[in-house]
Amino acid sequence: MKAVKASYSAIVTALNNIYEQTHAPEALGISKALCRPSTLVAIYLLDYVLPQVAKLSRALQTERIDLTAITPLVDATLNTLDDAMLPAANWVLELMDAKNEIEEVTDITLTTESIATFQGQVAEPFIRMLKANISSRFISQDIVSSFGIFDPKKVPAADSSDFHTYGEDLIDVLLAHYGAELPAKTAGGDEYTKEALISRETREEWKTFRSYLSKKPKGNLHLQLKELTTSDMLSEIFPNISTLANICLSIPVSTASVERSFSKMKLIKTRIRNRIGQSQLSYLMKIAMETPETLSSTQLNDIITVWNKKPRRISV
């Protein structure tokens, strides 16, 4: 869209020249479509809006997303979209700056009044619909943000005044949403209802788990959740907290790494390397997905040591 906006006059001129020389109906049709006021407004509007939405999308697809940042991110994006409906929005000012160049190659007359009309007819309905779509996708953002209490970096120091109440209000938010009663059956087949999460036990578990978190090295949220769901000891001690961790790992905003793995696999197992075995592919996928972005000198030395232990390797 940015390229179309930057080359708008050149594209229209080229299409008109093609039609004059060849009478190609396709060139005439595209030229007429581009020279419509609604199309012109849409080009400038989308060039402003799409990067804002793309930033939100990229932020939500990061492998180690901060769940507490989701609500501010969504609110900031919605506020930016509101700015697009202002009479002096950036895209409107850019359109006015290109006024003379556009009027030279089209029959469009750009005035403050005409742009305001186009803005009301094209921009505002589109922005309202886009905001409604984004809002509908994040109706539970407060619930998702509440999972941020499991992030070790967010836990206050054990000797601070905030420590003894940290996370209790957010545990209540999670219990209100996920602690509903579910139908169940006894061994004899009798039906009854049970809580998906036992509220009293969950609150007590959180108080102990909070102390456990405060004494751990300040790792990231994703690793902490994986530890809760894979450690038999933690699952035994904190069954309700482990259930919440499983729920958090299954919500869409935290499964971007799964989608990313398919892209990584396409880069590793290409058409030329299609005979690569499953075992080798698994090793390469683990390296591509799990290797930290940066390695310490100690880690690098350990890798070199292991590499040199392999037979028929040239010493590094």
Protein backbone atom coordinates (compact mmCIF):
# COMPACT_ATOMS: atom_id res chain seq x y z
CA MET A 1 0.00 0.00 0.00
CA LYS A 2 2.87 2.34 0.77
CA ALA A 3 4.34 1.72 -2.69
CA VAL A 4 0.97 2.39 -4.40
CA LYS A 5 0.60 5.67 -2.49
CA ALA A 6 4.15 6.79 -3.27
CA SER A 7 3.81 5.93 -6.97
CA TYR A 8 0.13 6.83 -7.40
CA SER A 9 0.61 9.53 -10.06
CA ALA A 10 3.15 7.46 -11.97
CA ILE A 11 0.86 4.41 -11.96
CA VAL A 12 -2.15 6.39 -13.25
CA THR A 13 -0.02 8.08 -15.95
CA ALA A 14 1.45 4.74 -17.05
CA LEU A 15 -2.00 3.12 -17.27
CA ASN A 16 -3.35 6.02 -19.34
CA ASN A 17 -0.37 5.80 -21.71
CA ILE A 18 -0.86 2.05 -22.10
CA TYR A 19 -4.51 2.57 -22.98
CA GLU A 20 -3.72 5.30 -25.51
CA GLN A 21 -1.14 3.10 -27.23
CA THR A 22 -2.81 -0.33 -27.08
CA HIS A 23 -6.45 0.39 -26.16
CA ALA A 24 -6.16 -2.37 -23.56
CA PRO A 25 -9.46 -2.42 -21.62
CA GLU A 26 -7.67 -3.73 -18.51
CA ALA A 27 -5.51 -0.58 -18.34
CA LEU A 28 -8.58 1.64 -18.69
CA GLY A 29 -10.49 -0.29 -16.02
CA ILE A 30 -7.66 -0.14 -13.48
CA SER A 31 -7.08 3.55 -14.21
CA LYS A 32 -10.75 4.38 -13.65
CA ALA A 33 -10.78 2.44 -10.40
CA LEU A 34 -7.69 4.24 -9.13
CA CYS A 35 -9.13 7.63 -10.08
CA ARG A 36 -12.24 7.20 -7.95
CA PRO A 37 -12.23 9.45 -4.85
CA SER A 38 -13.19 6.51 -2.64
CA THR A 39 -10.20 4.49 -3.91
CA LEU A 40 -7.81 7.37 -3.34
CA VAL A 41 -9.07 7.88 0.22
CA ALA A 42 -8.82 4.13 0.87
CA ILE A 43 -5.18 4.06 -0.28
CA TYR A 44 -4.10 6.84 2.08
CA LEU A 45 -6.26 5.51 4.91
CA LEU A 46 -4.97 1.95 4.67
CA ASP A 47 -1.37 3.16 4.46
CA TYR A 48 -1.96 4.72 7.88
CA VAL A 49 -4.12 2.00 9.47
CA LEU A 50 -2.47 -1.25 8.36
CA PRO A 51 0.91 -0.60 10.04
CA GLN A 52 -0.88 0.10 13.34
CA VAL A 53 -2.78 -3.19 13.18
CA ALA A 54 0.37 -5.02 12.04
CA LYS A 55 2.26 -3.75 15.11
CA LEU A 56 -0.41 -5.21 17.38
CA SER A 57 -0.38 -8.48 15.47
CA ARG A 58 3.42 -8.80 15.67
CA ALA A 59 3.38 -8.00 19.38
CA LEU A 60 0.84 -10.76 20.03
CA GLN A 61 2.88 -13.27 18.03
CA THR A 62 6.10 -12.81 19.95
CA GLU A 63 7.31 -16.05 21.49
CA ARG A 64 7.70 -14.60 25.01
CA ILE A 65 4.72 -12.25 25.17
CA ASP A 66 4.05 -10.26 28.32
CA LEU A 67 0.42 -11.06 29.07
CA THR A 68 0.04 -7.98 31.26
CA ALA A 69 0.88 -5.80 28.25
CA ILE A 70 -2.03 -7.05 26.11
CA THR A 71 -4.64 -4.62 27.45
CA PRO A 72 -2.41 -1.52 27.04
CA LEU A 73 -1.42 -2.67 23.54
CA VAL A 74 -5.03 -3.13 22.44
CA ASP A 75 -6.12 0.16 24.01
CA ALA A 76 -3.24 2.02 22.33
CA THR A 77 -4.17 0.55 18.94
CA LEU A 78 -7.82 1.52 19.35
CA ASN A 79 -6.81 5.07 20.34
CA THR A 80 -4.59 5.31 17.25
CA LEU A 81 -7.52 4.20 15.08
CA ASP A 82 -9.65 6.91 16.70
CA ASP A 83 -7.04 9.45 15.61
CA ALA A 84 -7.56 8.33 12.00
CA MET A 85 -11.10 9.75 12.12
CA LEU A 86 -9.98 13.24 13.14
CA PRO A 87 -10.23 16.04 10.52
CA ALA A 88 -6.48 16.66 10.89
CA ALA A 89 -5.41 13.00 10.89
CA ASN A 90 -1.94 12.32 9.51
CA TRP A 91 -3.26 10.54 6.44
CA VAL A 92 -5.58 13.47 5.65
CA LEU A 93 -2.66 15.91 5.86
CA GLU A 94 -0.60 13.67 3.56
CA LEU A 95 -3.48 13.57 1.09
CA MET A 96 -3.70 17.37 1.09
CA ASP A 97 0.07 17.61 0.57
CA ALA A 98 -0.29 15.47 -2.58
CA LYS A 99 -3.28 17.52 -3.81
CA ASN A 100 -1.59 19.25 -6.75
CA GLU A 101 0.13 16.11 -8.00
CA ILE A 102 -3.09 14.09 -7.84
CA GLU A 103 -5.22 16.72 -9.58
CA GLU A 104 -2.73 16.82 -12.48
CA VAL A 105 -3.36 13.17 -13.41
CA THR A 106 -6.99 12.69 -12.32
CA ASP A 107 -10.32 14.51 -12.44
CA ILE A 108 -10.53 14.45 -8.64
CA THR A 109 -10.84 17.85 -6.98
CA LEU A 110 -9.48 17.81 -3.47
CA THR A 111 -10.78 20.39 -1.03
CA THR A 112 -11.12 20.38 2.72
CA GLU A 113 -14.88 19.89 2.30
CA SER A 114 -14.56 17.06 -0.23
CA ILE A 115 -12.01 15.22 1.92
CA ALA A 116 -14.28 15.58 4.96
CA THR A 117 -17.11 14.08 2.87
CA PHE A 118 -14.92 11.19 1.73
CA GLN A 119 -13.74 10.70 5.30
CA GLY A 120 -17.32 10.40 6.53
CA GLN A 121 -18.39 8.07 3.71
CA VAL A 122 -15.34 5.80 3.55
CA ALA A 123 -12.97 6.22 6.49
CA GLU A 124 -15.27 6.44 9.50
CA PRO A 125 -17.44 3.39 8.68
CA PHE A 126 -14.30 1.34 7.99
CA ILE A 127 -12.56 2.44 11.21
CA ARG A 128 -15.65 1.76 13.31
CA MET A 129 -15.97 -1.73 11.84
CA LEU A 130 -12.25 -2.43 12.35
CA LYS A 131 -12.40 -1.27 15.99
CA ALA A 132 -15.45 -3.43 16.62
CA ASN A 133 -13.64 -6.42 15.11
CA ILE A 134 -10.55 -5.90 17.28
CA SER A 135 -12.63 -5.34 20.41
CA SER A 136 -14.64 -8.51 19.77
CA ARG A 137 -11.42 -10.52 19.59
CA PHE A 138 -10.22 -9.23 22.95
CA ILE A 139 -13.36 -9.27 25.05
CA SER A 140 -11.46 -11.39 27.62
CA GLN A 141 -8.25 -9.37 27.63
CA ASP A 142 -8.56 -8.66 31.37
CA ILE A 143 -8.71 -12.40 32.01
CA VAL A 144 -5.70 -13.06 29.76
CA SER A 145 -3.74 -10.25 31.44
CA SER A 146 -4.45 -11.84 34.84
CA PHE A 147 -2.21 -14.77 33.90
CA GLY A 148 0.70 -12.34 34.14
CA ILE A 149 0.86 -13.07 37.88
CA PHE A 150 2.79 -16.24 37.01
CA ASP A 151 5.65 -14.18 35.57
CA PRO A 152 8.55 -14.45 38.06
CA LYS A 153 9.78 -10.99 37.03
CA LYS A 154 6.52 -9.41 38.23
CA VAL A 155 6.59 -10.84 41.77
CA PRO A 156 7.54 -8.22 44.40
CA ALA A 157 10.39 -8.91 46.81
CA ALA A 158 9.37 -11.09 49.75
CA ASP A 159 10.17 -8.33 52.22
CA SER A 160 8.10 -5.68 50.40
CA SER A 161 4.71 -4.48 51.60
CA ASP A 162 3.01 -5.57 48.36
CA PHE A 163 4.18 -9.17 48.50
CA HIS A 164 1.55 -10.58 50.89
CA THR A 165 -1.37 -9.40 48.74
CA TYR A 166 0.26 -9.78 45.32
CA GLY A 167 -1.91 -11.60 42.79
CA GLU A 168 -4.87 -12.34 45.06
CA ASP A 169 -7.25 -10.04 43.17
CA LEU A 170 -6.17 -11.55 39.84
CA ILE A 171 -6.58 -15.10 41.17
CA ASP A 172 -10.17 -14.12 41.97
CA VAL A 173 -10.61 -12.89 38.36
CA LEU A 174 -9.37 -16.24 37.04
CA LEU A 175 -11.52 -18.21 39.46
CA ALA A 176 -14.61 -16.21 38.50
CA HIS A 177 -14.06 -17.15 34.86
CA TYR A 178 -12.64 -20.68 35.03
CA GLY A 179 -14.01 -21.92 38.33
CA ALA A 180 -17.52 -22.79 37.13
CA GLU A 181 -19.15 -26.02 38.25
CA LEU A 182 -18.90 -28.87 35.74
CA PRO A 183 -21.03 -32.03 35.42
CA ALA A 184 -19.33 -35.22 36.63
CA LYS A 185 -20.16 -38.80 37.54
CA THR A 186 -19.22 -41.00 40.48
CA ALA A 187 -17.73 -44.46 40.01
CA GLY A 188 -21.25 -45.80 40.40
CA GLY A 189 -22.57 -43.62 37.60
CA ASP A 190 -24.35 -41.04 39.77
CA GLU A 191 -24.26 -37.53 38.36
CA TYR A 192 -23.07 -34.54 40.38
CA THR A 193 -21.36 -31.20 39.84
CA LYS A 194 -17.84 -30.24 40.83
CA GLU A 195 -15.80 -27.09 40.59
CA ALA A 196 -13.29 -26.99 37.75
CA LEU A 197 -11.04 -25.16 40.19
CA ILE A 198 -11.60 -25.40 43.93
CA SER A 199 -11.67 -21.74 44.94
CA ARG A 200 -10.52 -22.05 48.55
CA GLU A 201 -7.71 -24.48 47.70
CA THR A 202 -6.60 -22.36 44.73
CA ARG A 203 -6.25 -19.26 46.92
CA GLU A 204 -4.25 -21.22 49.51
CA GLU A 205 -2.05 -22.74 46.80
CA TRP A 206 -1.37 -19.29 45.39
CA LYS A 207 -0.05 -18.01 48.72
CA THR A 208 2.50 -20.83 48.83
CA PHE A 209 3.29 -20.67 45.14
CA ARG A 210 3.84 -16.90 45.41
CA SER A 211 6.63 -17.56 47.93
CA TYR A 212 8.05 -20.24 45.63
CA LEU A 213 8.12 -17.75 42.73
CA SER A 214 9.83 -15.06 44.79
CA LYS A 215 12.75 -17.40 45.54
CA LYS A 216 13.25 -18.54 41.94
CA PRO A 217 15.67 -16.94 39.47
CA LYS A 218 13.82 -14.31 37.46
CA GLY A 219 13.11 -16.35 34.34
CA ASN A 220 10.32 -15.75 31.82
CA LEU A 221 6.62 -16.50 32.02
CA HIS A 222 6.62 -19.17 29.29
CA LEU A 223 9.26 -21.30 31.03
CA GLN A 224 7.47 -20.96 34.37
CA LEU A 225 4.19 -22.17 32.89
CA LYS A 226 5.93 -25.11 31.21
CA GLU A 227 7.54 -26.04 34.53
CA LEU A 228 4.15 -25.99 36.25
CA THR A 229 2.62 -28.31 33.66
CA THR A 230 5.53 -30.75 33.25
CA SER A 231 6.82 -31.09 36.81
CA ASP A 232 5.10 -33.95 38.64
CA MET A 233 6.18 -32.49 41.96
CA LEU A 234 4.67 -29.04 41.28
CA SER A 235 1.50 -30.58 39.83
CA GLU A 236 1.12 -32.62 43.00
CA ILE A 237 1.71 -29.69 45.36
CA PHE A 238 -0.23 -27.09 43.33
CA PRO A 239 -2.92 -29.00 41.35
CA ASN A 240 -5.24 -26.02 40.87
CA ILE A 241 -2.42 -23.62 39.98
CA SER A 242 -1.12 -26.21 37.48
CA THR A 243 -4.59 -26.35 35.92
CA LEU A 244 -4.49 -22.57 35.46
CA ALA A 245 -1.04 -22.89 33.85
CA ASN A 246 -2.41 -25.47 31.39
CA ILE A 247 -5.27 -23.11 30.54
CA CYS A 248 -2.85 -20.23 29.97
CA LEU A 249 -0.67 -22.28 27.62
CA SER A 250 -3.73 -23.22 25.56
CA ILE A 251 -5.11 -19.72 24.97
CA PRO A 252 -4.62 -18.49 21.37
CA VAL A 253 -2.36 -15.58 22.24
CA SER A 254 0.28 -17.94 23.64
CA THR A 255 0.34 -20.51 20.78
CA ALA A 256 2.18 -18.31 18.28
CA SER A 257 5.25 -20.53 18.71
CA VAL A 258 3.25 -23.49 17.38
CA GLU A 259 2.34 -21.57 14.24
CA ARG A 260 5.91 -20.36 13.93
CA SER A 261 7.20 -23.93 14.02
CA PHE A 262 5.53 -24.68 10.68
CA SER A 263 7.31 -21.72 9.10
CA LYS A 264 10.62 -22.91 10.58
CA MET A 265 10.01 -26.41 9.24
CA LYS A 266 9.45 -25.06 5.72
CA LEU A 267 12.78 -23.23 5.92
CA ILE A 268 14.59 -26.37 7.14
CA LYS A 269 12.91 -29.08 5.06
CA THR A 270 12.98 -27.46 1.63
CA ARG A 271 12.32 -29.03 -1.75
CA ILE A 272 16.06 -29.62 -2.15
CA ARG A 273 16.39 -31.19 1.34
CA ASN A 274 13.22 -33.28 1.15
CA ARG A 275 15.08 -36.51 2.00
CA ILE A 276 16.03 -35.30 5.47
CA GLY A 277 15.05 -37.87 8.09
CA GLN A 278 12.55 -37.38 10.90
CA SER A 279 15.23 -37.64 13.62
CA GLN A 280 17.50 -35.07 11.97
CA LEU A 281 14.54 -32.77 11.28
CA SER A 282 13.54 -33.00 14.95
CA TYR A 283 17.04 -32.00 16.09
CA LEU A 284 17.22 -29.08 13.66
CA MET A 285 13.73 -27.90 14.67
CA LYS A 286 14.72 -27.91 18.36
CA ILE A 287 17.81 -25.84 17.55
CA ALA A 288 15.80 -23.38 15.46
CA MET A 289 12.95 -23.02 17.98
CA GLU A 290 14.62 -23.32 21.38
CA THR A 291 18.05 -21.72 20.94
CA PRO A 292 18.27 -18.37 22.79
CA GLU A 293 18.77 -15.26 20.70
CA THR A 294 22.14 -14.68 22.37
CA LEU A 295 24.58 -17.11 23.97
CA SER A 296 27.02 -16.40 26.77
CA SER A 297 30.71 -17.20 26.38
CA THR A 298 30.27 -20.10 28.82
CA GLN A 299 27.48 -21.58 26.70
CA LEU A 300 29.56 -21.18 23.53
CA ASN A 301 32.53 -22.93 25.16
CA ASP A 302 30.27 -25.79 26.28
CA ILE A 303 28.96 -26.18 22.71
CA ILE A 304 32.50 -26.25 21.31
CA THR A 305 33.55 -28.82 23.92
CA VAL A 306 30.67 -31.15 23.05
CA TRP A 307 31.32 -30.65 19.33
CA ASN A 308 35.01 -31.57 19.67
CA LYS A 309 34.09 -34.79 21.48
CA LYS A 310 32.37 -36.08 18.35
CA PRO A 311 34.49 -38.45 16.24
CA ARG A 312 36.05 -37.19 12.97
CA ARG A 313 35.60 -33.54 13.92
CA ILE A 314 38.18 -30.88 13.13
CA SER A 315 39.28 -29.16 16.36
CA VAL A 316 37.95 -25.64 16.77
